[in-house]
Amino acid sequence: MMMPIEQAAVFLLLVGQEKGQKIIALMDTGEIKAIIPVLRRLTDVSPHVQEFIWAKFKDLGYEADMNPAELLTLIRFLFSDSKFC
């Protein structure tokens, strides 16, 4: 099972570099320090994991036209039972 921080990192990759960078720019320092090392460790994300992450974020309310602030809110929802950083 993937930890929330890993799910968030995969999601940032899946939304694309431009949108992912805009989301990271809205994060606080602690969140950035937590997510960047995880992003650096990601190499290849299998189709199965990609499907899992898309489904997870759709369950959280993801829509393709959401802005970066709204997407960051979804990422933070992943951590409702644990700390982000």
C-alpha atoms as a PDB file:
ATOM      1  CA  MET A   1       0.000   0.000   0.000  1.00  0.00           C
ATOM      2  CA  MET A   2       1.248   3.454  -0.880  1.00  0.00           C
ATOM      3  CA  MET A   3       1.683   6.075   1.797  1.00  0.00           C
ATOM      4  CA  PRO A   4      -0.226   9.357   1.288  1.00  0.00           C
ATOM      5  CA  ILE A   5       3.014  11.240   0.539  1.00  0.00           C
ATOM      6  CA  GLU A   6       3.796   8.753  -2.238  1.00  0.00           C
ATOM      7  CA  GLN A   7       0.270   9.088  -3.627  1.00  0.00           C
ATOM      8  CA  ALA A   8       0.623  12.865  -3.622  1.00  0.00           C
ATOM      9  CA  ALA A   9       3.969  12.662  -5.424  1.00  0.00           C
ATOM     10  CA  VAL A  10       2.579  10.367  -8.112  1.00  0.00           C
ATOM     11  CA  PHE A  11      -0.406  12.675  -8.546  1.00  0.00           C
ATOM     12  CA  LEU A  12       1.935  15.642  -9.062  1.00  0.00           C
ATOM     13  CA  LEU A  13       3.662  13.690 -11.822  1.00  0.00           C
ATOM     14  CA  LEU A  14       0.398  12.631 -13.430  1.00  0.00           C
ATOM     15  CA  VAL A  15      -1.025  16.157 -13.677  1.00  0.00           C
ATOM     16  CA  GLY A  16       2.014  17.226 -15.668  1.00  0.00           C
ATOM     17  CA  GLN A  17       5.079  19.320 -15.032  1.00  0.00           C
ATOM     18  CA  GLU A  18       3.491  22.749 -15.456  1.00  0.00           C
ATOM     19  CA  LYS A  19       0.482  22.119 -13.216  1.00  0.00           C
ATOM     20  CA  GLY A  20       2.589  20.122 -10.749  1.00  0.00           C
ATOM     21  CA  GLN A  21       5.024  23.015 -10.363  1.00  0.00           C
ATOM     22  CA  LYS A  22       2.152  25.441  -9.765  1.00  0.00           C
ATOM     23  CA  ILE A  23       0.785  23.175  -7.028  1.00  0.00           C
ATOM     24  CA  ILE A  24       4.204  22.871  -5.369  1.00  0.00           C
ATOM     25  CA  ALA A  25       4.582  26.669  -5.501  1.00  0.00           C
ATOM     26  CA  LEU A  26       1.459  26.933  -3.305  1.00  0.00           C
ATOM     27  CA  MET A  27       2.719  24.465  -0.687  1.00  0.00           C
ATOM     28  CA  ASP A  28       4.196  25.601   2.574  1.00  0.00           C
ATOM     29  CA  THR A  29       7.880  24.974   3.308  1.00  0.00           C
ATOM     30  CA  GLY A  30       7.247  21.830   5.347  1.00  0.00           C
ATOM     31  CA  GLU A  31       5.126  20.305   2.609  1.00  0.00           C
ATOM     32  CA  ILE A  32       7.765  21.052  -0.012  1.00  0.00           C
ATOM     33  CA  LYS A  33      10.514  19.536   2.149  1.00  0.00           C
ATOM     34  CA  ALA A  34       8.383  16.414   2.574  1.00  0.00           C
ATOM     35  CA  ILE A  35       7.335  15.914  -1.057  1.00  0.00           C
ATOM     36  CA  ILE A  36      10.499  16.769  -3.033  1.00  0.00           C
ATOM     37  CA  PRO A  37      12.574  13.774  -1.834  1.00  0.00           C
ATOM     38  CA  VAL A  38       9.673  11.452  -2.660  1.00  0.00           C
ATOM     39  CA  LEU A  39       9.331  12.981  -6.132  1.00  0.00           C
ATOM     40  CA  ARG A  40      13.052  12.491  -6.731  1.00  0.00           C
ATOM     41  CA  ARG A  41      12.788   8.797  -5.828  1.00  0.00           C
ATOM     42  CA  LEU A  42       9.990   8.154  -8.318  1.00  0.00           C
ATOM     43  CA  THR A  43      11.294   6.627 -11.492  1.00  0.00           C
ATOM     44  CA  ASP A  44       8.679   4.559 -13.263  1.00  0.00           C
ATOM     45  CA  VAL A  45       5.008   4.605 -12.316  1.00  0.00           C
ATOM     46  CA  SER A  46       3.207   1.511 -13.514  1.00  0.00           C
ATOM     47  CA  PRO A  47      -0.150   1.792 -15.315  1.00  0.00           C
ATOM     48  CA  HIS A  48      -1.742  -0.007 -12.355  1.00  0.00           C
ATOM     49  CA  VAL A  49      -0.450   2.619  -9.905  1.00  0.00           C
ATOM     50  CA  GLN A  50      -1.522   5.421 -12.249  1.00  0.00           C
ATOM     51  CA  GLU A  51      -5.062   4.012 -12.376  1.00  0.00           C
ATOM     52  CA  PHE A  52      -5.109   3.684  -8.591  1.00  0.00           C
ATOM     53  CA  ILE A  53      -4.015   7.318  -8.112  1.00  0.00           C
ATOM     54  CA  TRP A  54      -6.517   8.701 -10.647  1.00  0.00           C
ATOM     55  CA  ALA A  55      -9.308   6.710  -8.965  1.00  0.00           C
ATOM     56  CA  LYS A  56      -8.226   7.907  -5.518  1.00  0.00           C
ATOM     57  CA  PHE A  57      -8.230  11.556  -6.583  1.00  0.00           C
ATOM     58  CA  LYS A  58     -11.537  11.215  -8.432  1.00  0.00           C
ATOM     59  CA  ASP A  59     -12.979   9.873  -5.179  1.00  0.00           C
ATOM     60  CA  LEU A  60     -11.621  13.004  -3.481  1.00  0.00           C
ATOM     61  CA  GLY A  61     -13.413  15.170  -6.071  1.00  0.00           C
ATOM     62  CA  TYR A  62     -10.776  15.652  -8.782  1.00  0.00           C
ATOM     63  CA  GLU A  63     -11.907  17.332 -11.981  1.00  0.00           C
ATOM     64  CA  ALA A  64      -9.616  18.125 -14.908  1.00  0.00           C
ATOM     65  CA  ASP A  65     -10.444  21.839 -14.883  1.00  0.00           C
ATOM     66  CA  MET A  66      -9.505  22.398 -11.229  1.00  0.00           C
ATOM     67  CA  ASN A  67      -6.957  25.111 -10.516  1.00  0.00           C
ATOM     68  CA  PRO A  68      -3.694  24.439  -8.632  1.00  0.00           C
ATOM     69  CA  ALA A  69      -5.085  25.695  -5.296  1.00  0.00           C
ATOM     70  CA  GLU A  70      -8.040  23.324  -5.562  1.00  0.00           C
ATOM     71  CA  LEU A  71      -5.698  20.453  -6.445  1.00  0.00           C
ATOM     72  CA  LEU A  72      -3.516  21.227  -3.440  1.00  0.00           C
ATOM     73  CA  THR A  73      -6.633  21.016  -1.279  1.00  0.00           C
ATOM     74  CA  LEU A  74      -7.273  17.514  -2.660  1.00  0.00           C
ATOM     75  CA  ILE A  75      -3.689  16.531  -1.891  1.00  0.00           C
ATOM     76  CA  ARG A  76      -4.132  17.779   1.657  1.00  0.00           C
ATOM     77  CA  PHE A  77      -7.317  15.679   1.960  1.00  0.00           C
ATOM     78  CA  LEU A  78      -5.091  12.602   1.586  1.00  0.00           C
ATOM     79  CA  PHE A  79      -3.547  13.530   4.904  1.00  0.00           C
ATOM     80  CA  SER A  80      -6.769  13.973   6.856  1.00  0.00           C
ATOM     81  CA  ASP A  81      -5.790  11.051   9.099  1.00  0.00           C
ATOM     82  CA  SER A  82      -2.059  11.803   9.189  1.00  0.00           C
ATOM     83  CA  LYS A  83       0.373  14.663   8.875  1.00  0.00           C
ATOM     84  CA  PHE A  84       1.606  15.852   5.479  1.00  0.00           C
ATOM     85  CA  CYS A  85       5.036  16.764   6.771  1.00  0.00           C
END
